[in-house]
Protein backbone atom coordinates (compact mmCIF):
# COMPACT_ATOMS: atom_id res chain seq x y z
CA UNK A 1 33.92 147.18 -10.61
CA UNK A 2 35.91 145.62 -8.48
CA UNK A 3 33.42 145.61 -5.52
CA UNK A 4 31.25 143.84 -7.97
CA UNK A 5 33.63 141.18 -9.30
CA UNK A 6 34.52 141.18 -5.30
CA UNK A 7 30.95 140.27 -4.14
CA UNK A 8 29.82 138.39 -7.16
CA UNK A 9 32.84 136.14 -6.25
CA UNK A 10 32.16 136.15 -3.13
CA UNK A 11 28.54 134.66 -4.15
CA UNK A 12 30.01 132.05 -6.21
CA UNK A 13 32.14 131.00 -3.27
CA UNK A 14 28.86 130.89 -0.57
CA UNK A 15 26.82 129.48 -3.09
CA UNK A 16 30.08 126.89 -4.51
CA UNK A 17 30.27 126.27 -0.32
CA UNK A 18 26.43 125.45 -0.14
CA UNK A 19 26.95 123.55 -3.01
CA UNK A 20 29.64 121.66 -1.69
CA UNK A 21 28.43 121.09 1.87
CA UNK A 22 24.77 119.55 0.00
CA UNK A 23 27.71 117.41 -2.01
CA UNK A 24 29.34 116.67 1.56
CA UNK A 25 25.79 115.63 3.36
CA UNK A 26 24.39 113.59 0.12
CA UNK A 27 28.00 112.13 -0.10
CA UNK A 28 27.26 111.59 3.98
CA UNK A 29 24.30 109.97 3.58
CA UNK A 30 24.84 108.24 0.21
CA UNK A 31 27.91 106.63 1.84
CA UNK A 32 25.76 106.24 5.06
CA UNK A 33 23.21 104.04 2.87
CA UNK A 34 26.01 102.40 1.29
CA UNK A 35 27.11 101.35 4.37
CA UNK A 36 23.63 100.25 5.69
CA UNK A 37 22.97 98.77 2.63
CA UNK A 38 26.81 96.94 2.31
CA UNK A 39 26.12 96.37 5.88
CA UNK A 40 22.94 94.48 4.88
CA UNK A 41 24.15 92.63 2.09
CA UNK A 42 26.42 91.35 4.49
CA UNK A 43 24.41 90.21 7.31
CA UNK A 44 22.35 88.49 3.89
CA UNK A 45 25.89 87.16 3.39
CA UNK A 46 26.66 85.44 6.34
CA UNK A 47 23.01 84.22 6.71
CA UNK A 48 22.88 82.83 2.98
CA UNK A 49 26.34 81.75 4.29
CA UNK A 50 25.11 79.60 6.79
CA UNK A 51 22.34 78.70 5.01
CA UNK A 52 24.67 77.30 2.54
CA UNK A 53 26.46 75.41 5.38
CA UNK A 54 22.76 74.66 6.64
CA UNK A 55 22.15 72.90 3.58
CA UNK A 56 25.56 71.79 2.31
CA UNK A 57 25.13 69.46 6.11
CA UNK A 58 21.81 68.65 5.04
CA UNK A 59 23.26 67.56 1.58
CA UNK A 60 25.79 65.39 3.29
CA UNK A 61 23.59 63.31 5.85
CA UNK A 62 21.67 62.93 2.47
CA UNK A 63 24.26 61.54 0.84
CA UNK A 64 25.23 59.57 3.94
CA UNK A 65 21.95 58.56 4.25
CA UNK A 66 21.62 57.32 -0.02
CA UNK A 67 24.78 55.70 0.67
CA UNK A 68 23.32 53.66 3.51
CA UNK A 69 20.68 53.02 1.71
CA UNK A 70 21.67 52.28 -1.45
CA UNK A 71 23.91 49.92 0.85
CA UNK A 72 21.00 48.43 2.37
CA UNK A 73 19.40 48.30 -1.06
CA UNK A 74 22.02 46.78 -2.48
CA UNK A 75 21.54 44.02 0.85
CA UNK A 76 18.11 43.32 0.34
CA UNK A 77 18.31 43.14 -3.52
CA UNK A 78 20.69 40.31 -2.66
CA UNK A 79 18.82 38.94 -0.13
CA UNK A 80 15.90 38.71 -2.33
CA UNK A 81 17.94 37.30 -5.03
CA UNK A 82 18.73 34.81 -2.38
CA UNK A 83 15.03 34.36 -1.05
CA UNK A 84 14.12 33.68 -4.70
CA UNK A 85 16.53 31.40 -5.74
CA UNK A 86 15.76 29.38 -2.32
CA UNK A 87 11.93 30.26 -3.40
CA UNK A 88 12.85 28.42 -6.59
CA UNK A 89 14.42 25.26 -5.27
CA UNK A 90 11.97 24.44 -2.88
CA UNK A 91 8.95 24.90 -5.39
CA UNK A 92 11.55 22.31 -7.52
CA UNK A 93 11.84 19.88 -4.41
CA UNK A 94 8.21 20.90 -3.49
CA UNK A 95 6.93 19.50 -7.46
CA UNK A 96 9.87 16.85 -7.36
CA UNK A 97 8.12 15.97 -3.49
CA UNK A 98 4.51 16.37 -5.23
CA UNK A 99 5.98 14.37 -8.27
CA UNK A 100 7.18 11.70 -5.66
CA UNK A 101 3.53 11.64 -3.17
CA UNK A 102 1.80 10.25 -6.73
CA UNK A 103 4.09 7.67 -7.55
CA UNK A 104 3.90 6.48 -3.73
CA UNK A 105 0.17 6.45 -4.30
CA UNK A 106 -0.49 4.44 -7.30
CA UNK A 107 2.41 2.47 -6.05
CA UNK A 108 -0.26 2.25 -2.88
CA UNK A 109 -3.49 2.33 -4.92
CA UNK A 110 -1.46 -0.71 -6.77
CA UNK A 111 -0.59 -2.45 -3.52
CA UNK A 112 -3.65 -2.23 -1.82
CA UNK A 113 -5.24 -4.19 -5.23
CA UNK A 114 -2.53 -6.76 -4.66
CA UNK A 115 -3.48 -7.58 -1.54
CA UNK A 116 -7.36 -7.01 -1.90
CA UNK A 117 -6.40 -10.11 -4.35
CA UNK A 118 -4.21 -12.09 -2.21
CA UNK A 119 -6.83 -11.22 0.08
CA UNK A 120 -9.46 -12.84 -2.37
CA UNK A 121 -6.87 -15.79 -3.17
CA UNK A 122 -6.90 -16.63 0.84
CA UNK A 123 -10.01 -16.60 1.63
CA UNK A 124 -10.59 -18.52 -1.65
CA UNK A 125 -7.94 -20.98 -0.05
CA UNK A 126 -9.44 -20.66 3.03
CA UNK A 127 -12.69 -22.06 1.20
CA UNK A 128 -10.90 -25.08 -0.07
CA UNK A 129 -9.41 -25.90 3.12
CA UNK A 130 -12.39 -25.65 4.74
CA UNK A 131 -13.99 -28.12 2.31
CA UNK A 132 -11.02 -30.68 1.58
CA UNK A 133 -10.65 -30.60 5.62
CA UNK A 134 -14.70 -31.21 5.66
CA UNK A 135 -14.40 -33.70 2.74
CA UNK A 136 -11.52 -35.02 3.99
CA UNK A 137 -12.67 -35.78 7.67
CA UNK A 138 -15.89 -37.02 5.98
CA UNK A 139 -13.10 -39.88 3.74
CA UNK A 140 -11.91 -40.73 6.90
CA UNK A 141 -15.35 -41.22 8.28
CA UNK A 142 -15.89 -43.16 5.66
CA UNK A 143 -13.05 -45.29 5.27
CA UNK A 144 -13.21 -45.82 9.41
CA UNK A 145 -16.71 -47.03 8.57
CA UNK A 146 -15.52 -49.76 5.57
CA UNK A 147 -11.86 -50.10 7.60
CA UNK A 148 -14.89 -51.35 10.69
CA UNK A 149 -17.11 -53.25 7.98
CA UNK A 150 -13.98 -54.82 6.54
CA UNK A 151 -12.55 -55.61 10.03
CA UNK A 152 -16.01 -57.24 10.37
CA UNK A 153 -16.83 -58.92 6.85
CA UNK A 154 -13.60 -60.84 7.29
CA UNK A 155 -14.07 -62.14 10.60
CA UNK A 156 -17.64 -62.61 9.07
CA UNK A 157 -15.70 -64.76 6.38
CA UNK A 158 -13.66 -66.63 8.70
CA UNK A 159 -17.11 -67.44 10.55
CA UNK A 160 -17.93 -68.83 7.69
CA UNK A 161 -14.84 -70.80 6.31
CA UNK A 162 -14.58 -72.46 9.36
CA UNK A 163 -18.30 -73.35 8.49
CA UNK A 164 -17.63 -74.57 5.37
CA UNK A 165 -15.05 -76.78 6.45
CA UNK A 166 -16.66 -77.88 9.17
CA UNK A 167 -18.68 -81.15 7.75
CA UNK A 168 -21.57 -81.57 10.60
CA UNK A 169 -22.33 -77.01 10.24
CA UNK A 170 -21.75 -77.51 5.95
CA UNK A 171 -24.50 -80.81 5.98
CA UNK A 172 -26.71 -78.71 8.21
CA UNK A 173 -26.38 -75.21 6.06
CA UNK A 174 -26.96 -77.50 2.61
CA UNK A 175 -30.62 -79.46 4.64
CA UNK A 176 -31.36 -75.72 5.44
CA UNK A 177 -31.46 -74.89 1.45
CA UNK A 178 -33.05 -77.50 0.86
CA UNK A 179 -35.78 -77.05 3.10
CA UNK A 180 -35.45 -73.34 2.03
CA UNK A 181 -34.27 -72.67 -1.28
CA UNK A 182 -33.02 -68.65 -1.34
CA UNK A 183 -33.86 -66.22 -3.81
CA UNK A 184 -31.00 -65.20 -6.83
CA UNK A 185 -29.02 -62.66 -4.74
CA UNK A 186 -27.97 -59.86 -7.16
CA UNK A 187 -24.97 -56.87 -7.32
CA UNK A 188 -27.50 -54.60 -6.15
CA UNK A 189 -28.58 -56.53 -3.31
CA UNK A 190 -25.10 -57.37 -2.54
CA UNK A 191 -24.29 -53.78 -2.31
CA UNK A 192 -27.24 -53.20 -0.17
CA UNK A 193 -26.06 -55.93 2.19
CA UNK A 194 -22.91 -54.08 2.49
CA UNK A 195 -24.54 -50.78 2.93
CA UNK A 196 -22.78 -48.87 0.11
CA UNK A 197 -23.81 -47.12 -2.01
CA UNK A 198 -22.32 -46.72 -5.71
CA UNK A 199 -21.29 -44.07 -7.87
CA UNK A 200 -22.10 -43.33 -11.82
CA UNK A 201 -18.23 -42.65 -11.64
CA UNK A 202 -17.40 -45.78 -9.86
CA UNK A 203 -16.91 -44.34 -6.21
CA UNK A 204 -18.48 -45.40 -3.65
CA UNK A 205 -19.89 -44.40 -0.17
CA UNK A 206 -20.83 -45.54 3.12
CA UNK A 207 -24.58 -45.43 4.37
CA UNK A 208 -24.57 -46.84 7.24
CA UNK A 209 -23.41 -49.43 9.35
CA UNK A 210 -24.88 -52.39 11.11
């Protein structure tokens, strides 16, 4: 009986030893697997941390770029506002200039019309002056003829008066009139003899000068 118990106990101890060895091996294998897994996760964590650090750097760069872009956008917005204000001012000035140009065009048109009217007036006055000068020249010519005729008539009258004041000449003239009676002399005949044309309005014109 004791032998059986010893054998059973030995078998149990052996079984326990085998189980313990197997368990130890399994534990060692699991431990090694856990270590490998832990190492892998650690490596993955390091890689992830490196990626996170790289992403953080990239995010920082992007953030800085975004800040710079916002600053540039703000500057561009300010420039755009200034440009729009300048364009509005230029547009207003262009509108004013166009209005002034239109006003000047109207004034130039009016001035051109006034200049044309003045030119026509000057042309009319020039024509009238030329006609007046022609009439004046004709009048001067006629007055010169009249003056010459008057001087000649005065001289002839003086000669006649002297003849009438001379008794022998007067007697001789009376004798000629008796022998050669003259025809009746009309006013037209007198004017015809003077070489003057009398118009209906009482004006006259010298026809010829003997």
